[in-house]
PDB file of N, CA and C in Angstrom:
ATOM      1  N   MET A   1     -19.015  22.028  78.898  1.00  0.00           N
ATOM      2  CA  MET A   1     -18.457  23.203  79.554  1.00  0.00           C
ATOM      3  C   MET A   1     -17.618  22.807  80.775  1.00  0.00           C
ATOM      4  N   ARG A   2     -18.132  21.860  81.556  1.00  0.00           N
ATOM      5  CA  ARG A   2     -17.411  21.435  82.759  1.00  0.00           C
ATOM      6  C   ARG A   2     -16.013  20.925  82.417  1.00  0.00           C
ATOM      7  N   GLU A   3     -15.924  20.170  81.316  1.00  0.00           N
ATOM      8  CA  GLU A   3     -14.611  19.627  80.926  1.00  0.00           C
ATOM      9  C   GLU A   3     -13.639  20.751  80.572  1.00  0.00           C
ATOM     10  N   ASP A   4     -14.152  21.795  79.910  1.00  0.00           N
ATOM     11  CA  ASP A   4     -13.307  22.951  79.574  1.00  0.00           C
ATOM     12  C   ASP A   4     -12.796  23.618  80.848  1.00  0.00           C
ATOM     13  N   VAL A   5     -13.705  23.780  81.810  1.00  0.00           N
ATOM     14  CA  VAL A   5     -13.342  24.414  83.080  1.00  0.00           C
ATOM     15  C   VAL A   5     -12.292  23.569  83.808  1.00  0.00           C
ATOM     16  N   LEU A   6     -12.528  22.273  83.884  1.00  0.00           N
ATOM     17  CA  LEU A   6     -11.582  21.384  84.561  1.00  0.00           C
ATOM     18  C   LEU A   6     -10.206  21.454  83.904  1.00  0.00           C
ATOM     19  N   LYS A   7     -10.192  21.465  82.586  1.00  0.00           N
ATOM     20  CA  LYS A   7      -8.930  21.545  81.832  1.00  0.00           C
ATOM     21  C   LYS A   7      -8.172  22.828  82.207  1.00  0.00           C
ATOM     22  N   LYS A   8      -8.888  23.940  82.287  1.00  0.00           N
ATOM     23  CA  LYS A   8      -8.260  25.222  82.631  1.00  0.00           C
ATOM     24  C   LYS A   8      -7.760  25.214  84.074  1.00  0.00           C
ATOM     25  N   ILE A   9      -8.533  24.620  84.980  1.00  0.00           N
ATOM     26  CA  ILE A   9      -8.109  24.532  86.387  1.00  0.00           C
ATOM     27  C   ILE A   9      -6.811  23.730  86.477  1.00  0.00           C
ATOM     28  N   ILE A  10      -6.756  22.613  85.777  1.00  0.00           N
ATOM     29  CA  ILE A  10      -5.552  21.776  85.804  1.00  0.00           C
ATOM     30  C   ILE A  10      -4.364  22.506  85.180  1.00  0.00           C
ATOM     31  N   GLU A  11      -4.596  23.187  84.049  1.00  0.00           N
ATOM     32  CA  GLU A  11      -3.511  23.951  83.401  1.00  0.00           C
ATOM     33  C   GLU A  11      -2.933  24.989  84.357  1.00  0.00           C
ATOM     34  N   LYS A  12      -3.819  25.754  84.991  1.00  0.00           N
ATOM     35  CA  LYS A  12      -3.356  26.830  85.877  1.00  0.00           C
ATOM     36  C   LYS A  12      -2.721  26.262  87.143  1.00  0.00           C
ATOM     37  N   ALA A  13      -3.313  25.226  87.708  1.00  0.00           N
ATOM     38  CA  ALA A  13      -2.759  24.611  88.921  1.00  0.00           C
ATOM     39  C   ALA A  13      -1.353  24.076  88.657  1.00  0.00           C
ATOM     40  N   SER A  14      -1.157  23.532  87.478  1.00  0.00           N
ATOM     41  CA  SER A  14       0.153  23.020  87.091  1.00  0.00           C
ATOM     42  C   SER A  14       1.208  24.127  87.166  1.00  0.00           C
ATOM     43  N   LYS A  15       0.819  25.319  86.697  1.00  0.00           N
ATOM     44  CA  LYS A  15       1.753  26.454  86.721  1.00  0.00           C
ATOM     45  C   LYS A  15       1.924  27.018  88.132  1.00  0.00           C
ATOM     46  N   ILE A  16       0.820  27.152  88.857  1.00  0.00           N
ATOM     47  CA  ILE A  16       0.886  27.726  90.205  1.00  0.00           C
ATOM     48  C   ILE A  16       1.731  26.866  91.142  1.00  0.00           C
ATOM     49  N   TRP A  17       1.479  25.557  91.120  1.00  0.00           N
ATOM     50  CA  TRP A  17       2.156  24.672  92.079  1.00  0.00           C
ATOM     51  C   TRP A  17       3.338  23.920  91.473  1.00  0.00           C
ATOM     52  N   ASN A  18       3.637  24.189  90.208  1.00  0.00           N
ATOM     53  CA  ASN A  18       4.781  23.562  89.549  1.00  0.00           C
ATOM     54  C   ASN A  18       4.704  22.030  89.602  1.00  0.00           C
ATOM     55  N   VAL A  19       3.543  21.528  89.177  1.00  0.00           N
ATOM     56  CA  VAL A  19       3.289  20.089  89.145  1.00  0.00           C
ATOM     57  C   VAL A  19       2.886  19.735  87.718  1.00  0.00           C
ATOM     58  N   ALA A  20       3.313  18.587  87.225  1.00  0.00           N
ATOM     59  CA  ALA A  20       2.953  18.177  85.874  1.00  0.00           C
ATOM     60  C   ALA A  20       1.430  18.020  85.752  1.00  0.00           C
ATOM     61  N   GLU A  21       0.881  18.500  84.635  1.00  0.00           N
ATOM     62  CA  GLU A  21      -0.569  18.385  84.418  1.00  0.00           C
ATOM     63  C   GLU A  21      -1.035  16.940  84.531  1.00  0.00           C
ATOM     64  N   ALA A  22      -0.198  16.001  84.089  1.00  0.00           N
ATOM     65  CA  ALA A  22      -0.558  14.579  84.114  1.00  0.00           C
ATOM     66  C   ALA A  22      -0.780  14.070  85.546  1.00  0.00           C
ATOM     67  N   GLU A  23      -0.199  14.753  86.532  1.00  0.00           N
ATOM     68  CA  GLU A  23      -0.352  14.331  87.929  1.00  0.00           C
ATOM     69  C   GLU A  23      -1.617  14.884  88.566  1.00  0.00           C
ATOM     70  N   LEU A  24      -2.340  15.750  87.849  1.00  0.00           N
ATOM     71  CA  LEU A  24      -3.525  16.401  88.384  1.00  0.00           C
ATOM     72  C   LEU A  24      -4.780  15.862  87.704  1.00  0.00           C
ATOM     73  N   SER A  25      -5.868  15.761  88.477  1.00  0.00           N
ATOM     74  CA  SER A  25      -7.135  15.276  87.914  1.00  0.00           C
ATOM     75  C   SER A  25      -8.284  15.899  88.686  1.00  0.00           C
ATOM     76  N   GLU A  26      -9.514  15.507  88.330  1.00  0.00           N
ATOM     77  CA  GLU A  26     -10.647  16.072  89.055  1.00  0.00           C
ATOM     78  C   GLU A  26     -10.681  15.585  90.499  1.00  0.00           C
ATOM     79  N   GLU A  27      -9.978  14.499  90.810  1.00  0.00           N
ATOM     80  CA  GLU A  27      -9.920  13.997  92.183  1.00  0.00           C
ATOM     81  C   GLU A  27      -8.883  14.735  93.027  1.00  0.00           C
ATOM     82  N   THR A  28      -8.012  15.519  92.378  1.00  0.00           N
ATOM     83  CA  THR A  28      -6.967  16.222  93.125  1.00  0.00           C
ATOM     84  C   THR A  28      -7.592  17.150  94.165  1.00  0.00           C
ATOM     85  N   ALA A  29      -7.158  17.008  95.403  1.00  0.00           N
ATOM     86  CA  ALA A  29      -7.651  17.868  96.485  1.00  0.00           C
ATOM     87  C   ALA A  29      -6.751  19.101  96.578  1.00  0.00           C
ATOM     88  N   PHE A  30      -7.383  20.260  96.671  1.00  0.00           N
ATOM     89  CA  PHE A  30      -6.593  21.477  96.828  1.00  0.00           C
ATOM     90  C   PHE A  30      -5.674  21.363  98.044  1.00  0.00           C
ATOM     91  N   ALA A  31      -6.179  20.784  99.127  1.00  0.00           N
ATOM     92  CA  ALA A  31      -5.404  20.666 100.369  1.00  0.00           C
ATOM     93  C   ALA A  31      -4.080  19.923 100.155  1.00  0.00           C
ATOM     94  N   SER A  32      -4.061  18.972  99.216  1.00  0.00           N
ATOM     95  CA  SER A  32      -2.842  18.201  98.964  1.00  0.00           C
ATOM     96  C   SER A  32      -1.731  19.065  98.366  1.00  0.00           C
ATOM     97  N   LEU A  33      -2.107  20.257  97.866  1.00  0.00           N
ATOM     98  CA  LEU A  33      -1.134  21.155  97.243  1.00  0.00           C
ATOM     99  C   LEU A  33      -0.700  22.281  98.191  1.00  0.00           C
ATOM    100  N   ASN A  34      -1.205  22.209  99.441  1.00  0.00           N
ATOM    101  CA  ASN A  34      -0.857  23.207 100.448  1.00  0.00           C
ATOM    102  C   ASN A  34      -1.127  24.630  99.940  1.00  0.00           C
ATOM    103  N   PRO A  35      -2.371  24.904  99.530  1.00  0.00           N
ATOM    104  CA  PRO A  35      -2.665  26.197  98.915  1.00  0.00           C
ATOM    105  C   PRO A  35      -2.688  27.353  99.916  1.00  0.00           C
ATOM    106  N   LYS A  36      -2.283  28.502  99.433  1.00  0.00           N
ATOM    107  CA  LYS A  36      -2.369  29.752 100.182  1.00  0.00           C
ATOM    108  C   LYS A  36      -3.486  30.582  99.533  1.00  0.00           C
ATOM    109  N   SER A  37      -3.919  31.614 100.233  1.00  0.00           N
ATOM    110  CA  SER A  37      -4.977  32.475  99.694  1.00  0.00           C
ATOM    111  C   SER A  37      -4.610  33.034  98.324  1.00  0.00           C
ATOM    112  N   VAL A  38      -3.350  33.384  98.158  1.00  0.00           N
ATOM    113  CA  VAL A  38      -2.912  33.950  96.880  1.00  0.00           C
ATOM    114  C   VAL A  38      -3.105  32.950  95.729  1.00  0.00           C
ATOM    115  N   HIS A  39      -2.959  31.667  96.001  1.00  0.00           N
ATOM    116  CA  HIS A  39      -3.144  30.651  94.960  1.00  0.00           C
ATOM    117  C   HIS A  39      -4.597  30.623  94.491  1.00  0.00           C
ATOM    118  N   TYR A  40      -5.531  30.680  95.456  1.00  0.00           N
ATOM    119  CA  TYR A  40      -6.948  30.708  95.085  1.00  0.00           C
ATOM    120  C   TYR A  40      -7.261  31.978  94.304  1.00  0.00           C
ATOM    121  N   SER A  41      -6.664  33.068  94.721  1.00  0.00           N
ATOM    122  CA  SER A  41      -6.880  34.343  94.044  1.00  0.00           C
ATOM    123  C   SER A  41      -6.376  34.275  92.599  1.00  0.00           C
ATOM    124  N   GLN A  42      -5.191  33.702  92.410  1.00  0.00           N
ATOM    125  CA  GLN A  42      -4.650  33.546  91.053  1.00  0.00           C
ATOM    126  C   GLN A  42      -5.573  32.674  90.207  1.00  0.00           C
ATOM    127  N   MET A  43      -6.078  31.615  90.812  1.00  0.00           N
ATOM    128  CA  MET A  43      -6.948  30.689  90.092  1.00  0.00           C
ATOM    129  C   MET A  43      -8.259  31.363  89.683  1.00  0.00           C
ATOM    130  N   THR A  44      -8.903  32.057  90.619  1.00  0.00           N
ATOM    131  CA  THR A  44     -10.188  32.680  90.287  1.00  0.00           C
ATOM    132  C   THR A  44     -10.017  33.800  89.262  1.00  0.00           C
ATOM    133  N   THR A  45      -8.951  34.572  89.393  1.00  0.00           N
ATOM    134  CA  THR A  45      -8.697  35.639  88.415  1.00  0.00           C
ATOM    135  C   THR A  45      -8.487  35.046  87.023  1.00  0.00           C
ATOM    136  N   TYR A  46      -7.717  33.979  86.959  1.00  0.00           N
ATOM    137  CA  TYR A  46      -7.453  33.302  85.682  1.00  0.00           C
ATOM    138  C   TYR A  46      -8.756  32.791  85.063  1.00  0.00           C
ATOM    139  N   LEU A  47      -9.589  32.138  85.863  1.00  0.00           N
ATOM    140  CA  LEU A  47     -10.851  31.599  85.347  1.00  0.00           C
ATOM    141  C   LEU A  47     -11.796  32.716  84.913  1.00  0.00           C
ATOM    142  N   GLU A  48     -11.797  33.813  85.649  1.00  0.00           N
ATOM    143  CA  GLU A  48     -12.627  34.964  85.257  1.00  0.00           C
ATOM    144  C   GLU A  48     -12.195  35.490  83.893  1.00  0.00           C
ATOM    145  N   ASP A  49     -10.886  35.580  83.697  1.00  0.00           N
ATOM    146  CA  ASP A  49     -10.367  36.055  82.409  1.00  0.00           C
ATOM    147  C   ASP A  49     -10.672  35.074  81.281  1.00  0.00           C
ATOM    148  N   GLU A  50     -10.515  33.789  81.553  1.00  0.00           N
ATOM    149  CA  GLU A  50     -10.738  32.762  80.527  1.00  0.00           C
ATOM    150  C   GLU A  50     -12.200  32.672  80.102  1.00  0.00           C
ATOM    151  N   PHE A  51     -13.106  32.764  81.059  1.00  0.00           N
ATOM    152  CA  PHE A  51     -14.525  32.520  80.774  1.00  0.00           C
ATOM    153  C   PHE A  51     -15.387  33.781  80.838  1.00  0.00           C
ATOM    154  N   ASP A  52     -14.745  34.926  81.069  1.00  0.00           N
ATOM    155  CA  ASP A  52     -15.453  36.208  81.103  1.00  0.00           C
ATOM    156  C   ASP A  52     -16.670  36.145  82.020  1.00  0.00           C
ATOM    157  N   ALA A  53     -16.427  35.666  83.249  1.00  0.00           N
ATOM    158  CA  ALA A  53     -17.498  35.549  84.240  1.00  0.00           C
ATOM    159  C   ALA A  53     -16.896  35.784  85.625  1.00  0.00           C
ATOM    160  N   GLU A  54     -17.724  36.262  86.542  1.00  0.00           N
ATOM    161  CA  GLU A  54     -17.242  36.475  87.905  1.00  0.00           C
ATOM    162  C   GLU A  54     -17.214  35.146  88.652  1.00  0.00           C
ATOM    163  N   VAL A  55     -16.091  34.862  89.287  1.00  0.00           N
ATOM    164  CA  VAL A  55     -15.949  33.645  90.093  1.00  0.00           C
ATOM    165  C   VAL A  55     -15.668  34.090  91.531  1.00  0.00           C
ATOM    166  N   PRO A  56     -16.694  34.077  92.400  1.00  0.00           N
ATOM    167  CA  PRO A  56     -16.490  34.528  93.775  1.00  0.00           C
ATOM    168  C   PRO A  56     -15.428  33.705  94.507  1.00  0.00           C
ATOM    169  N   TYR A  57     -14.421  34.412  94.952  1.00  0.00           N
ATOM    170  CA  TYR A  57     -13.251  33.810  95.585  1.00  0.00           C
ATOM    171  C   TYR A  57     -13.611  32.935  96.794  1.00  0.00           C
ATOM    172  N   LEU A  58     -14.420  33.472  97.699  1.00  0.00           N
ATOM    173  CA  LEU A  58     -14.724  32.722  98.930  1.00  0.00           C
ATOM    174  C   LEU A  58     -15.479  31.430  98.651  1.00  0.00           C
ATOM    175  N   ASN A  59     -16.398  31.458  97.697  1.00  0.00           N
ATOM    176  CA  ASN A  59     -17.135  30.242  97.341  1.00  0.00           C
ATOM    177  C   ASN A  59     -16.212  29.245  96.652  1.00  0.00           C
ATOM    178  N   PHE A  60     -15.356  29.740  95.768  1.00  0.00           N
ATOM    179  CA  PHE A  60     -14.409  28.866  95.069  1.00  0.00           C
ATOM    180  C   PHE A  60     -13.491  28.178  96.079  1.00  0.00           C
ATOM    181  N   LYS A  61     -13.074  28.935  97.081  1.00  0.00           N
ATOM    182  CA  LYS A  61     -12.139  28.416  98.086  1.00  0.00           C
ATOM    183  C   LYS A  61     -12.747  27.266  98.895  1.00  0.00           C
ATOM    184  N   ARG A  62     -14.074  27.193  98.949  1.00  0.00           N
ATOM    185  CA  ARG A  62     -14.740  26.111  99.694  1.00  0.00           C
ATOM    186  C   ARG A  62     -14.688  24.780  98.942  1.00  0.00           C
ATOM    187  N   CYS A  63     -14.406  24.812  97.658  1.00  0.00           N
ATOM    188  CA  CYS A  63     -14.334  23.575  96.863  1.00  0.00           C
ATOM    189  C   CYS A  63     -13.142  22.751  97.336  1.00  0.00           C
ATOM    190  N   LYS A  64     -13.386  21.477  97.586  1.00  0.00           N
ATOM    191  CA  LYS A  64     -12.318  20.627  98.117  1.00  0.00           C
ATOM    192  C   LYS A  64     -11.437  20.014  97.022  1.00  0.00           C
ATOM    193  N   THR A  65     -12.043  19.698  95.881  1.00  0.00           N
ATOM    194  CA  THR A  65     -11.283  19.061  94.797  1.00  0.00           C
ATOM    195  C   THR A  65     -11.405  19.880  93.513  1.00  0.00           C
ATOM    196  N   PHE A  66     -10.557  19.561  92.551  1.00  0.00           N
ATOM    197  CA  PHE A  66     -10.636  20.233  91.252  1.00  0.00           C
ATOM    198  C   PHE A  66     -11.983  19.958  90.589  1.00  0.00           C
ATOM    199  N   GLY A  67     -12.496  18.740  90.784  1.00  0.00           N
ATOM    200  CA  GLY A  67     -13.795  18.384  90.202  1.00  0.00           C
ATOM    201  C   GLY A  67     -14.917  19.236  90.774  1.00  0.00           C
ATOM    202  N   GLU A  68     -14.897  19.426  92.100  1.00  0.00           N
ATOM    203  CA  GLU A  68     -15.898  20.281  92.750  1.00  0.00           C
ATOM    204  C   GLU A  68     -15.799  21.708  92.224  1.00  0.00           C
ATOM    205  N   ALA A  69     -14.574  22.180  92.078  1.00  0.00           N
ATOM    206  CA  ALA A  69     -14.355  23.538  91.575  1.00  0.00           C
ATOM    207  C   ALA A  69     -14.871  23.670  90.138  1.00  0.00           C
ATOM    208  N   ALA A  70     -14.639  22.646  89.328  1.00  0.00           N
ATOM    209  CA  ALA A  70     -15.116  22.662  87.935  1.00  0.00           C
ATOM    210  C   ALA A  70     -16.644  22.681  87.902  1.00  0.00           C
ATOM    211  N   ASP A  71     -17.280  21.884  88.767  1.00  0.00           N
ATOM    212  CA  ASP A  71     -18.751  21.888  88.851  1.00  0.00           C
ATOM    213  C   ASP A  71     -19.252  23.274  89.224  1.00  0.00           C
ATOM    214  N   TYR A  72     -18.610  23.864  90.218  1.00  0.00           N
ATOM    215  CA  TYR A  72     -19.033  25.172  90.714  1.00  0.00           C
ATOM    216  C   TYR A  72     -18.935  26.240  89.608  1.00  0.00           C
ATOM    217  N   VAL A  73     -17.803  26.290  88.935  1.00  0.00           N
ATOM    218  CA  VAL A  73     -17.601  27.310  87.893  1.00  0.00           C
ATOM    219  C   VAL A  73     -18.529  27.043  86.707  1.00  0.00           C
ATOM    220  N   ALA A  74     -18.704  25.794  86.336  1.00  0.00           N
ATOM    221  CA  ALA A  74     -19.600  25.463  85.224  1.00  0.00           C
ATOM    222  C   ALA A  74     -21.036  25.911  85.549  1.00  0.00           C
ATOM    223  N   GLU A  75     -21.454  25.742  86.802  1.00  0.00           N
ATOM    224  CA  GLU A  75     -22.794  26.210  87.219  1.00  0.00           C
ATOM    225  C   GLU A  75     -22.896  27.721  87.084  1.00  0.00           C
ATOM    226  N   LEU A  76     -21.849  28.432  87.483  1.00  0.00           N
ATOM    227  CA  LEU A  76     -21.843  29.894  87.354  1.00  0.00           C
ATOM    228  C   LEU A  76     -22.004  30.314  85.899  1.00  0.00           C
ATOM    229  N   LEU A  77     -21.344  29.592  85.021  1.00  0.00           N
ATOM    230  CA  LEU A  77     -21.368  29.940  83.596  1.00  0.00           C
ATOM    231  C   LEU A  77     -22.732  29.645  82.968  1.00  0.00           C
ATOM    232  N   ASP A  78     -23.473  28.702  83.552  1.00  0.00           N
ATOM    233  CA  ASP A  78     -24.807  28.358  83.033  1.00  0.00           C
ATOM    234  C   ASP A  78     -25.863  29.381  83.428  1.00  0.00           C
ATOM    235  N   GLU A  79     -25.577  30.166  84.479  1.00  0.00           N
ATOM    236  CA  GLU A  79     -26.574  31.110  84.979  1.00  0.00           C
ATOM    237  C   GLU A  79     -26.859  32.226  83.990  1.00  0.00           C
TER     238      GLU A  79
END
């Protein structure tokens, strides 16, 4: 499940920040992409739609890397 989540995060981040998917990984830090609140909002909404689960925006925003975010969302989906 975590790998699916990570894949979706990378796919969406690629579109949001206009960066090639190949340049993104679980080590990618959100801070390196200069994210705005709207970017996190787009990401959480997308993940909610993809996985049919609530992804709390403020908790998601605390994740520093894509890997951390994937762990967080995968945990939510296991609940």
